[in-house]
C-alpha atoms as a PDB file:
ATOM      1  CA  UNK A   1      73.751  34.272  80.446  1.00  0.00           C
ATOM      2  CA  UNK A   2      75.192  34.632  76.967  1.00  0.00           C
ATOM      3  CA  UNK A   3      78.923  33.960  77.290  1.00  0.00           C
ATOM      4  CA  UNK A   4      79.532  30.384  78.513  1.00  0.00           C
ATOM      5  CA  UNK A   5      82.823  28.836  79.542  1.00  0.00           C
ATOM      6  CA  UNK A   6      83.079  25.118  78.828  1.00  0.00           C
ATOM      7  CA  UNK A   7      85.687  22.809  80.376  1.00  0.00           C
ATOM      8  CA  UNK A   8      86.025  19.259  79.080  1.00  0.00           C
ATOM      9  CA  UNK A   9      85.539  18.425  75.393  1.00  0.00           C
ATOM     10  CA  UNK A  10      85.339  14.642  75.482  1.00  0.00           C
ATOM     11  CA  UNK A  11      82.839  12.224  73.977  1.00  0.00           C
ATOM     12  CA  UNK A  12      79.950  14.065  75.659  1.00  0.00           C
ATOM     13  CA  UNK A  13      81.377  17.530  76.261  1.00  0.00           C
ATOM     14  CA  UNK A  14      82.210  18.310  72.631  1.00  0.00           C
ATOM     15  CA  UNK A  15      78.676  17.768  71.239  1.00  0.00           C
ATOM     16  CA  UNK A  16      77.205  19.626  74.230  1.00  0.00           C
ATOM     17  CA  UNK A  17      79.402  22.644  73.501  1.00  0.00           C
ATOM     18  CA  UNK A  18      78.382  22.420  69.842  1.00  0.00           C
ATOM     19  CA  UNK A  19      74.721  22.521  70.893  1.00  0.00           C
ATOM     20  CA  UNK A  20      75.378  25.770  72.771  1.00  0.00           C
ATOM     21  CA  UNK A  21      77.004  27.254  69.667  1.00  0.00           C
ATOM     22  CA  UNK A  22      74.003  26.275  67.544  1.00  0.00           C
ATOM     23  CA  UNK A  23      71.769  28.091  70.048  1.00  0.00           C
ATOM     24  CA  UNK A  24      73.788  31.293  69.548  1.00  0.00           C
ATOM     25  CA  UNK A  25      75.636  31.238  72.841  1.00  0.00           C
ATOM     26  CA  UNK A  26      79.169  32.570  72.860  1.00  0.00           C
ATOM     27  CA  UNK A  27      81.285  29.650  74.040  1.00  0.00           C
ATOM     28  CA  UNK A  28      84.850  29.757  75.324  1.00  0.00           C
ATOM     29  CA  UNK A  29      86.373  26.280  75.551  1.00  0.00           C
ATOM     30  CA  UNK A  30      89.177  24.694  77.534  1.00  0.00           C
ATOM     31  CA  UNK A  31      90.615  21.193  77.317  1.00  0.00           C
ATOM     32  CA  UNK A  32      94.062  19.686  77.843  1.00  0.00           C
ATOM     33  CA  UNK A  33      93.923  18.272  74.300  1.00  0.00           C
ATOM     34  CA  UNK A  34      94.721  20.896  71.679  1.00  0.00           C
ATOM     35  CA  UNK A  35      92.945  18.964  68.917  1.00  0.00           C
ATOM     36  CA  UNK A  36      89.694  18.923  70.884  1.00  0.00           C
ATOM     37  CA  UNK A  37      89.880  22.698  71.335  1.00  0.00           C
ATOM     38  CA  UNK A  38      90.774  23.228  67.665  1.00  0.00           C
ATOM     39  CA  UNK A  39      87.703  21.295  66.508  1.00  0.00           C
ATOM     40  CA  UNK A  40      85.362  23.492  68.569  1.00  0.00           C
ATOM     41  CA  UNK A  41      87.166  26.680  67.544  1.00  0.00           C
ATOM     42  CA  UNK A  42      86.644  25.704  63.898  1.00  0.00           C
ATOM     43  CA  UNK A  43      82.932  25.593  64.719  1.00  0.00           C
ATOM     44  CA  UNK A  44      82.876  29.089  66.195  1.00  0.00           C
ATOM     45  CA  UNK A  45      84.064  28.696  69.795  1.00  0.00           C
ATOM     46  CA  UNK A  46      86.701  30.862  71.430  1.00  0.00           C
ATOM     47  CA  UNK A  47      89.816  29.133  72.815  1.00  0.00           C
ATOM     48  CA  UNK A  48      90.872  29.690  76.413  1.00  0.00           C
ATOM     49  CA  UNK A  49      94.612  29.356  76.979  1.00  0.00           C
ATOM     50  CA  UNK A  50      94.095  28.969  80.714  1.00  0.00           C
ATOM     51  CA  UNK A  51      91.176  27.600  82.686  1.00  0.00           C
ATOM     52  CA  UNK A  52      91.183  30.726  84.845  1.00  0.00           C
ATOM     53  CA  UNK A  53      90.230  32.870  81.834  1.00  0.00           C
ATOM     54  CA  UNK A  54      86.725  31.388  81.995  1.00  0.00           C
ATOM     55  CA  UNK A  55      86.041  33.131  85.299  1.00  0.00           C
ATOM     56  CA  UNK A  56      85.042  36.157  83.194  1.00  0.00           C
ATOM     57  CA  UNK A  57      82.174  34.271  81.520  1.00  0.00           C
ATOM     58  CA  UNK A  58      78.502  34.473  82.531  1.00  0.00           C
ATOM     59  CA  UNK A  59      78.548  30.804  83.601  1.00  0.00           C
ATOM     60  CA  UNK A  60      81.114  28.014  83.575  1.00  0.00           C
ATOM     61  CA  UNK A  61      80.243  24.420  82.668  1.00  0.00           C
ATOM     62  CA  UNK A  62      82.449  21.634  84.008  1.00  0.00           C
ATOM     63  CA  UNK A  63      82.224  18.412  81.967  1.00  0.00           C
ATOM     64  CA  UNK A  64      85.317  16.450  82.951  1.00  0.00           C
ATOM     65  CA  UNK A  65      85.393  12.697  83.406  1.00  0.00           C
ATOM     66  CA  UNK A  66      86.404  11.832  86.955  1.00  0.00           C
ATOM     67  CA  UNK A  67      85.858  12.910  90.526  1.00  0.00           C
ATOM     68  CA  UNK A  68      89.533  13.879  90.842  1.00  0.00           C
ATOM     69  CA  UNK A  69      89.413  16.005  87.682  1.00  0.00           C
ATOM     70  CA  UNK A  70      86.261  17.769  88.892  1.00  0.00           C
ATOM     71  CA  UNK A  71      87.867  18.440  92.260  1.00  0.00           C
ATOM     72  CA  UNK A  72      90.867  20.046  90.558  1.00  0.00           C
ATOM     73  CA  UNK A  73      88.838  22.124  88.107  1.00  0.00           C
ATOM     74  CA  UNK A  74      86.180  23.351  90.544  1.00  0.00           C
ATOM     75  CA  UNK A  75      88.817  24.155  93.136  1.00  0.00           C
ATOM     76  CA  UNK A  76      90.780  26.245  90.644  1.00  0.00           C
ATOM     77  CA  UNK A  77      87.646  28.061  89.502  1.00  0.00           C
ATOM     78  CA  UNK A  78      86.600  28.928  93.055  1.00  0.00           C
ATOM     79  CA  UNK A  79      90.118  30.156  93.838  1.00  0.00           C
ATOM     80  CA  UNK A  80      90.294  32.529  90.859  1.00  0.00           C
ATOM     81  CA  UNK A  81      86.793  34.044  90.944  1.00  0.00           C
ATOM     82  CA  UNK A  82      86.477  37.528  92.405  1.00  0.00           C
ATOM     83  CA  UNK A  83      83.669  40.127  92.150  1.00  0.00           C
ATOM     84  CA  UNK A  84      80.341  39.054  90.633  1.00  0.00           C
ATOM     85  CA  UNK A  85      81.508  35.457  90.135  1.00  0.00           C
ATOM     86  CA  UNK A  86      79.677  33.380  87.524  1.00  0.00           C
ATOM     87  CA  UNK A  87      77.798  30.237  88.580  1.00  0.00           C
ATOM     88  CA  UNK A  88      79.537  26.896  88.222  1.00  0.00           C
ATOM     89  CA  UNK A  89      77.423  24.277  86.455  1.00  0.00           C
ATOM     90  CA  UNK A  90      79.024  20.895  87.154  1.00  0.00           C
ATOM     91  CA  UNK A  91      77.669  18.477  84.550  1.00  0.00           C
ATOM     92  CA  UNK A  92      80.207  15.716  85.178  1.00  0.00           C
ATOM     93  CA  UNK A  93      79.071  12.381  86.572  1.00  0.00           C
ATOM     94  CA  UNK A  94      80.821  12.238  89.944  1.00  0.00           C
ATOM     95  CA  UNK A  95      79.900  11.322  93.505  1.00  0.00           C
ATOM     96  CA  UNK A  96      76.980  13.249  95.054  1.00  0.00           C
ATOM     97  CA  UNK A  97      79.075  13.719  98.203  1.00  0.00           C
ATOM     98  CA  UNK A  98      81.748  15.463  96.136  1.00  0.00           C
ATOM     99  CA  UNK A  99      79.154  17.783  94.598  1.00  0.00           C
ATOM    100  CA  UNK A 100      77.881  18.685  98.067  1.00  0.00           C
ATOM    101  CA  UNK A 101      81.453  19.430  99.129  1.00  0.00           C
ATOM    102  CA  UNK A 102      82.016  21.609  96.048  1.00  0.00           C
ATOM    103  CA  UNK A 103      78.688  23.345  96.614  1.00  0.00           C
ATOM    104  CA  UNK A 104      79.585  24.230 100.205  1.00  0.00           C
ATOM    105  CA  UNK A 105      82.986  25.599  99.145  1.00  0.00           C
ATOM    106  CA  UNK A 106      81.375  27.616  96.357  1.00  0.00           C
ATOM    107  CA  UNK A 107      78.703  29.018  98.680  1.00  0.00           C
ATOM    108  CA  UNK A 108      81.377  30.111 101.161  1.00  0.00           C
ATOM    109  CA  UNK A 109      82.975  32.083  98.325  1.00  0.00           C
ATOM    110  CA  UNK A 110      79.644  33.603  97.218  1.00  0.00           C
ATOM    111  CA  UNK A 111      79.422  31.444  94.091  1.00  0.00           C
ATOM    112  CA  UNK A 112      76.311  29.640  92.887  1.00  0.00           C
ATOM    113  CA  UNK A 113      76.857  25.939  92.216  1.00  0.00           C
ATOM    114  CA  UNK A 114      74.593  23.438  90.478  1.00  0.00           C
ATOM    115  CA  UNK A 115      75.194  19.761  89.818  1.00  0.00           C
ATOM    116  CA  UNK A 116      73.571  18.970  86.476  1.00  0.00           C
ATOM    117  CA  UNK A 117      74.538  15.539  85.105  1.00  0.00           C
ATOM    118  CA  UNK A 118      73.163  14.424  81.757  1.00  0.00           C
ATOM    119  CA  UNK A 119      71.738  11.247  80.264  1.00  0.00           C
ATOM    120  CA  UNK A 120      71.349  10.126  76.675  1.00  0.00           C
ATOM    121  CA  UNK A 121      74.803   9.412  75.299  1.00  0.00           C
ATOM    122  CA  UNK A 122      76.848  11.130  72.578  1.00  0.00           C
ATOM    123  CA  UNK A 123      74.308  10.634  69.788  1.00  0.00           C
ATOM    124  CA  UNK A 124      71.583  12.381  71.793  1.00  0.00           C
ATOM    125  CA  UNK A 125      74.048  15.044  72.911  1.00  0.00           C
ATOM    126  CA  UNK A 126      74.742  15.743  69.247  1.00  0.00           C
ATOM    127  CA  UNK A 127      71.125  16.731  68.628  1.00  0.00           C
ATOM    128  CA  UNK A 128      70.755  18.702  71.864  1.00  0.00           C
ATOM    129  CA  UNK A 129      68.157  16.324  73.299  1.00  0.00           C
ATOM    130  CA  UNK A 130      69.756  15.205  76.561  1.00  0.00           C
ATOM    131  CA  UNK A 131      67.943  14.633  79.829  1.00  0.00           C
ATOM    132  CA  UNK A 132      69.461  16.954  82.429  1.00  0.00           C
ATOM    133  CA  UNK A 133      68.764  16.480  86.147  1.00  0.00           C
ATOM    134  CA  UNK A 134      69.744  19.451  88.284  1.00  0.00           C
ATOM    135  CA  UNK A 135      70.500  19.801  91.975  1.00  0.00           C
ATOM    136  CA  UNK A 136      70.908  23.124  93.743  1.00  0.00           C
ATOM    137  CA  UNK A 137      69.159  26.370  94.618  1.00  0.00           C
ATOM    138  CA  UNK A 138      65.906  26.728  92.616  1.00  0.00           C
ATOM    139  CA  UNK A 139      66.637  30.379  91.830  1.00  0.00           C
ATOM    140  CA  UNK A 140      70.051  29.512  90.422  1.00  0.00           C
ATOM    141  CA  UNK A 141      68.391  26.754  88.399  1.00  0.00           C
ATOM    142  CA  UNK A 142      65.890  29.182  86.851  1.00  0.00           C
ATOM    143  CA  UNK A 143      68.681  31.528  85.799  1.00  0.00           C
ATOM    144  CA  UNK A 144      70.674  28.692  84.226  1.00  0.00           C
ATOM    145  CA  UNK A 145      67.697  26.969  82.587  1.00  0.00           C
ATOM    146  CA  UNK A 146      68.173  28.592  79.124  1.00  0.00           C
ATOM    147  CA  UNK A 147      71.721  27.216  79.051  1.00  0.00           C
ATOM    148  CA  UNK A 148      70.512  23.734  79.922  1.00  0.00           C
ATOM    149  CA  UNK A 149      67.674  23.964  77.395  1.00  0.00           C
ATOM    150  CA  UNK A 150      70.227  24.490  74.629  1.00  0.00           C
ATOM    151  CA  UNK A 151      71.650  21.040  75.387  1.00  0.00           C
ATOM    152  CA  UNK A 152      68.614  19.076  76.548  1.00  0.00           C
ATOM    153  CA  UNK A 153      64.890  18.715  75.995  1.00  0.00           C
ATOM    154  CA  UNK A 154      64.128  17.254  79.441  1.00  0.00           C
ATOM    155  CA  UNK A 155      65.544  19.619  82.053  1.00  0.00           C
ATOM    156  CA  UNK A 156      64.358  18.985  85.613  1.00  0.00           C
ATOM    157  CA  UNK A 157      65.217  20.456  88.995  1.00  0.00           C
ATOM    158  CA  UNK A 158      65.261  17.455  91.344  1.00  0.00           C
ATOM    159  CA  UNK A 159      66.397  18.817  94.717  1.00  0.00           C
ATOM    160  CA  UNK A 160      69.383  20.304  96.564  1.00  0.00           C
ATOM    161  CA  UNK A 161      73.023  20.032  95.481  1.00  0.00           C
ATOM    162  CA  UNK A 162      73.887  16.356  94.983  1.00  0.00           C
ATOM    163  CA  UNK A 163      70.339  15.297  94.113  1.00  0.00           C
ATOM    164  CA  UNK A 164      70.984  15.535  90.380  1.00  0.00           C
ATOM    165  CA  UNK A 165      73.932  13.181  90.665  1.00  0.00           C
ATOM    166  CA  UNK A 166      72.079  10.732  92.882  1.00  0.00           C
ATOM    167  CA  UNK A 167      69.296  10.465  90.309  1.00  0.00           C
ATOM    168  CA  UNK A 168      71.806  10.221  87.452  1.00  0.00           C
ATOM    169  CA  UNK A 169      73.599   7.324  89.124  1.00  0.00           C
ATOM    170  CA  UNK A 170      70.345   5.483  89.829  1.00  0.00           C
ATOM    171  CA  UNK A 171      69.351   5.995  86.188  1.00  0.00           C
ATOM    172  CA  UNK A 172      72.714   4.784  84.918  1.00  0.00           C
ATOM    173  CA  UNK A 173      72.578   1.707  87.108  1.00  0.00           C
ATOM    174  CA  UNK A 174      69.423   0.716  85.213  1.00  0.00           C
ATOM    175  CA  UNK A 175      70.642   1.783  81.762  1.00  0.00           C
ATOM    176  CA  UNK A 176      74.103   0.226  81.942  1.00  0.00           C
ATOM    177  CA  UNK A 177      72.819  -3.013  83.455  1.00  0.00           C
ATOM    178  CA  UNK A 178      70.215  -3.255  80.707  1.00  0.00           C
ATOM    179  CA  UNK A 179      72.540  -2.869  77.708  1.00  0.00           C
ATOM    180  CA  UNK A 180      74.315  -6.261  77.827  1.00  0.00           C
ATOM    181  CA  UNK A 181      71.048  -8.017  78.741  1.00  0.00           C
ATOM    182  CA  UNK A 182      69.207  -6.571  75.721  1.00  0.00           C
ATOM    183  CA  UNK A 183      72.076  -7.355  73.359  1.00  0.00           C
ATOM    184  CA  UNK A 184      72.345 -10.928  74.653  1.00  0.00           C
ATOM    185  CA  UNK A 185      68.581 -11.488  74.560  1.00  0.00           C
ATOM    186  CA  UNK A 186      68.329 -10.339  70.946  1.00  0.00           C
ATOM    187  CA  UNK A 187      71.253 -12.611  70.126  1.00  0.00           C
ATOM    188  CA  UNK A 188      69.370 -15.576  71.603  1.00  0.00           C
ATOM    189  CA  UNK A 189      66.417 -14.715  69.393  1.00  0.00           C
ATOM    190  CA  UNK A 190      68.677 -14.630  66.329  1.00  0.00           C
ATOM    191  CA  UNK A 191      70.121 -18.031  67.274  1.00  0.00           C
ATOM    192  CA  UNK A 192      66.574 -19.381  67.364  1.00  0.00           C
ATOM    193  CA  UNK A 193      65.775 -18.033  63.899  1.00  0.00           C
ATOM    194  CA  UNK A 194      63.808 -14.896  64.776  1.00  0.00           C
ATOM    195  CA  UNK A 195      63.957 -11.746  62.649  1.00  0.00           C
ATOM    196  CA  UNK A 196      65.707  -8.888  64.469  1.00  0.00           C
ATOM    197  CA  UNK A 197      63.382  -6.116  63.308  1.00  0.00           C
ATOM    198  CA  UNK A 198      60.310  -8.179  64.184  1.00  0.00           C
ATOM    199  CA  UNK A 199      61.733  -8.917  67.639  1.00  0.00           C
ATOM    200  CA  UNK A 200      62.304  -5.240  68.361  1.00  0.00           C
ATOM    201  CA  UNK A 201      58.843  -4.192  67.175  1.00  0.00           C
ATOM    202  CA  UNK A 202      57.137  -6.839  69.317  1.00  0.00           C
ATOM    203  CA  UNK A 203      59.289  -6.094  72.374  1.00  0.00           C
ATOM    204  CA  UNK A 204      58.454  -2.371  72.030  1.00  0.00           C
ATOM    205  CA  UNK A 205      54.799  -3.291  72.509  1.00  0.00           C
ATOM    206  CA  UNK A 206      55.513  -5.786  75.291  1.00  0.00           C
ATOM    207  CA  UNK A 207      56.677  -5.929  78.894  1.00  0.00           C
ATOM    208  CA  UNK A 208      60.320  -6.334  77.886  1.00  0.00           C
ATOM    209  CA  UNK A 209      60.499  -2.865  76.338  1.00  0.00           C
ATOM    210  CA  UNK A 210      63.510  -0.744  77.338  1.00  0.00           C
ATOM    211  CA  UNK A 211      64.922   2.616  76.285  1.00  0.00           C
ATOM    212  CA  UNK A 212      67.178   0.757  73.857  1.00  0.00           C
ATOM    213  CA  UNK A 213      64.302  -0.936  72.034  1.00  0.00           C
ATOM    214  CA  UNK A 214      61.891   1.987  72.361  1.00  0.00           C
ATOM    215  CA  UNK A 215      64.487   4.245  70.731  1.00  0.00           C
ATOM    216  CA  UNK A 216      65.793   1.686  68.263  1.00  0.00           C
ATOM    217  CA  UNK A 217      66.999   4.192  65.649  1.00  0.00           C
ATOM    218  CA  UNK A 218      69.172   5.946  68.239  1.00  0.00           C
ATOM    219  CA  UNK A 219      70.381   2.557  69.487  1.00  0.00           C
ATOM    220  CA  UNK A 220      71.507   1.668  65.966  1.00  0.00           C
ATOM    221  CA  UNK A 221      73.379   4.974  65.709  1.00  0.00           C
ATOM    222  CA  UNK A 222      75.047   4.201  69.032  1.00  0.00           C
ATOM    223  CA  UNK A 223      76.075   0.746  67.836  1.00  0.00           C
ATOM    224  CA  UNK A 224      77.549   2.219  64.672  1.00  0.00           C
ATOM    225  CA  UNK A 225      79.453   4.773  66.746  1.00  0.00           C
ATOM    226  CA  UNK A 226      80.886   2.030  68.962  1.00  0.00           C
ATOM    227  CA  UNK A 227      81.951  -0.162  66.050  1.00  0.00           C
ATOM    228  CA  UNK A 228      83.113   2.428  63.511  1.00  0.00           C
ATOM    229  CA  UNK A 229      85.248   4.514  65.859  1.00  0.00           C
ATOM    230  CA  UNK A 230      87.359   2.402  68.224  1.00  0.00           C
ATOM    231  CA  UNK A 231      88.642   5.616  69.807  1.00  0.00           C
ATOM    232  CA  UNK A 232      85.069   6.289  70.971  1.00  0.00           C
ATOM    233  CA  UNK A 233      84.242   2.732  72.044  1.00  0.00           C
ATOM    234  CA  UNK A 234      86.806   2.279  74.807  1.00  0.00           C
ATOM    235  CA  UNK A 235      86.021   5.555  76.625  1.00  0.00           C
ATOM    236  CA  UNK A 236      82.298   4.771  76.488  1.00  0.00           C
ATOM    237  CA  UNK A 237      82.855   1.332  78.014  1.00  0.00           C
ATOM    238  CA  UNK A 238      85.175   2.731  80.672  1.00  0.00           C
ATOM    239  CA  UNK A 239      82.671   5.469  81.504  1.00  0.00           C
ATOM    240  CA  UNK A 240      79.906   2.903  81.952  1.00  0.00           C
ATOM    241  CA  UNK A 241      82.067   0.878  84.299  1.00  0.00           C
ATOM    242  CA  UNK A 242      83.073   4.027  86.192  1.00  0.00           C
ATOM    243  CA  UNK A 243      79.434   5.050  86.673  1.00  0.00           C
ATOM    244  CA  UNK A 244      78.518   1.634  88.076  1.00  0.00           C
ATOM    245  CA  UNK A 245      81.413   1.844  90.512  1.00  0.00           C
ATOM    246  CA  UNK A 246      80.240   5.323  91.540  1.00  0.00           C
ATOM    247  CA  UNK A 247      76.831   3.862  92.429  1.00  0.00           C
ATOM    248  CA  UNK A 248      78.605   1.207  94.507  1.00  0.00           C
ATOM    249  CA  UNK A 249      80.606   3.902  96.312  1.00  0.00           C
ATOM    250  CA  UNK A 250      77.417   5.886  96.943  1.00  0.00           C
ATOM    251  CA  UNK A 251      75.845   2.786  98.493  1.00  0.00           C
ATOM    252  CA  UNK A 252      78.930   2.113 100.594  1.00  0.00           C
ATOM    253  CA  UNK A 253      78.927   5.689 101.903  1.00  0.00           C
ATOM    254  CA  UNK A 254      75.231   5.498 102.754  1.00  0.00           C
ATOM    255  CA  UNK A 255      75.306   1.976 104.177  1.00  0.00           C
ATOM    256  CA  UNK A 256      72.866   0.707 101.541  1.00  0.00           C
ATOM    257  CA  UNK A 257      72.818  -2.994 100.656  1.00  0.00           C
ATOM    258  CA  UNK A 258      72.555  -3.390  96.870  1.00  0.00           C
ATOM    259  CA  UNK A 259      73.114  -7.039  95.851  1.00  0.00           C
ATOM    260  CA  UNK A 260      71.714  -6.619  92.322  1.00  0.00           C
ATOM    261  CA  UNK A 261      74.127  -3.752  91.721  1.00  0.00           C
ATOM    262  CA  UNK A 262      77.081  -5.917  92.783  1.00  0.00           C
ATOM    263  CA  UNK A 263      75.910  -8.712  90.486  1.00  0.00           C
ATOM    264  CA  UNK A 264      75.508  -6.284  87.568  1.00  0.00           C
ATOM    265  CA  UNK A 265      79.033  -4.877  88.055  1.00  0.00           C
ATOM    266  CA  UNK A 266      80.508  -8.390  88.021  1.00  0.00           C
ATOM    267  CA  UNK A 267      78.514  -9.320  84.919  1.00  0.00           C
ATOM    268  CA  UNK A 268      79.498  -6.101  83.131  1.00  0.00           C
ATOM    269  CA  UNK A 269      83.189  -6.626  83.888  1.00  0.00           C
ATOM    270  CA  UNK A 270      82.994 -10.083  82.342  1.00  0.00           C
ATOM    271  CA  UNK A 271      81.513  -8.529  79.185  1.00  0.00           C
ATOM    272  CA  UNK A 272      84.279  -5.960  78.754  1.00  0.00           C
ATOM    273  CA  UNK A 273      86.692  -8.619  77.443  1.00  0.00           C
ATOM    274  CA  UNK A 274      85.234  -8.053  73.972  1.00  0.00           C
ATOM    275  CA  UNK A 275      82.087 -10.162  74.214  1.00  0.00           C
ATOM    276  CA  UNK A 276      79.770  -7.162  74.393  1.00  0.00           C
ATOM    277  CA  UNK A 277      81.380  -5.558  71.333  1.00  0.00           C
ATOM    278  CA  UNK A 278      81.147  -8.864  69.463  1.00  0.00           C
ATOM    279  CA  UNK A 279      77.434  -9.139  70.269  1.00  0.00           C
ATOM    280  CA  UNK A 280      76.825  -5.541  69.194  1.00  0.00           C
ATOM    281  CA  UNK A 281      78.691  -6.200  65.928  1.00  0.00           C
ATOM    282  CA  UNK A 282      76.497  -9.235  65.266  1.00  0.00           C
ATOM    283  CA  UNK A 283      73.300  -7.215  65.731  1.00  0.00           C
ATOM    284  CA  UNK A 284      74.541  -4.441  63.468  1.00  0.00           C
ATOM    285  CA  UNK A 285      75.684  -6.899  60.794  1.00  0.00           C
ATOM    286  CA  UNK A 286      72.214  -8.440  60.885  1.00  0.00           C
ATOM    287  CA  UNK A 287      70.635  -5.037  60.352  1.00  0.00           C
ATOM    288  CA  UNK A 288      72.963  -4.185  57.463  1.00  0.00           C
ATOM    289  CA  UNK A 289      72.789  -7.632  55.875  1.00  0.00           C
ATOM    290  CA  UNK A 290      69.312  -9.026  56.635  1.00  0.00           C
END
């Protein structure tokens, strides 16, 4: 697999496509936004005027935002692929049930399909160090592994189609629920006169350690991204809320009772009125002006 088609150049998709270019893959890109395509083309990508053109690639990555968008894109790809069709690597965060549906439709058309959602955020995507959890046929996974390795440093096959997304949603439930708690807790410490850097160093060695504190440098980069580029902040917040709602839908479909999830969604919604951003700004101001 050398020539990769890439659909969806958003907050996560663009740096992922850039990682492929840095690893010497030939990348053809498609997005509804001309400026997003132009940025990648300036970095060495090839533009695709129509999504269907990507059916000639060695593999096609789908990195759109919603279930409905994935349904449209995957459906169009399956419909236009003919002899020796390339595998479809769906890296969007959507419902596992949708991935299983797409996988069945692809298999009926003789097309390999993998669900391969990612974790790590845009900063980690920019350095090609994402965690990628893959569901699907193990043989298809082995063939696609070099492509995934160009974008992530923790690439794991976790089960059949849909398993990658199930694990991604469980992971995001933890990560997204943790963010406002960590920010609020550090704010309490500041109110009580504690030094922010000292708090983080002690927490890293204690039972309250989280990914955010354990990877504090990346967390600071994320906070700067959220505050310095308002165009990035809103989509990130909306994506977090969307992922939590996807977990709730998964639970509803499976008949799973998840009271802590429901509480976390309610708490997160109350934070999206600007309080979370204000708390993040306070932490960053403290770091810049100790």
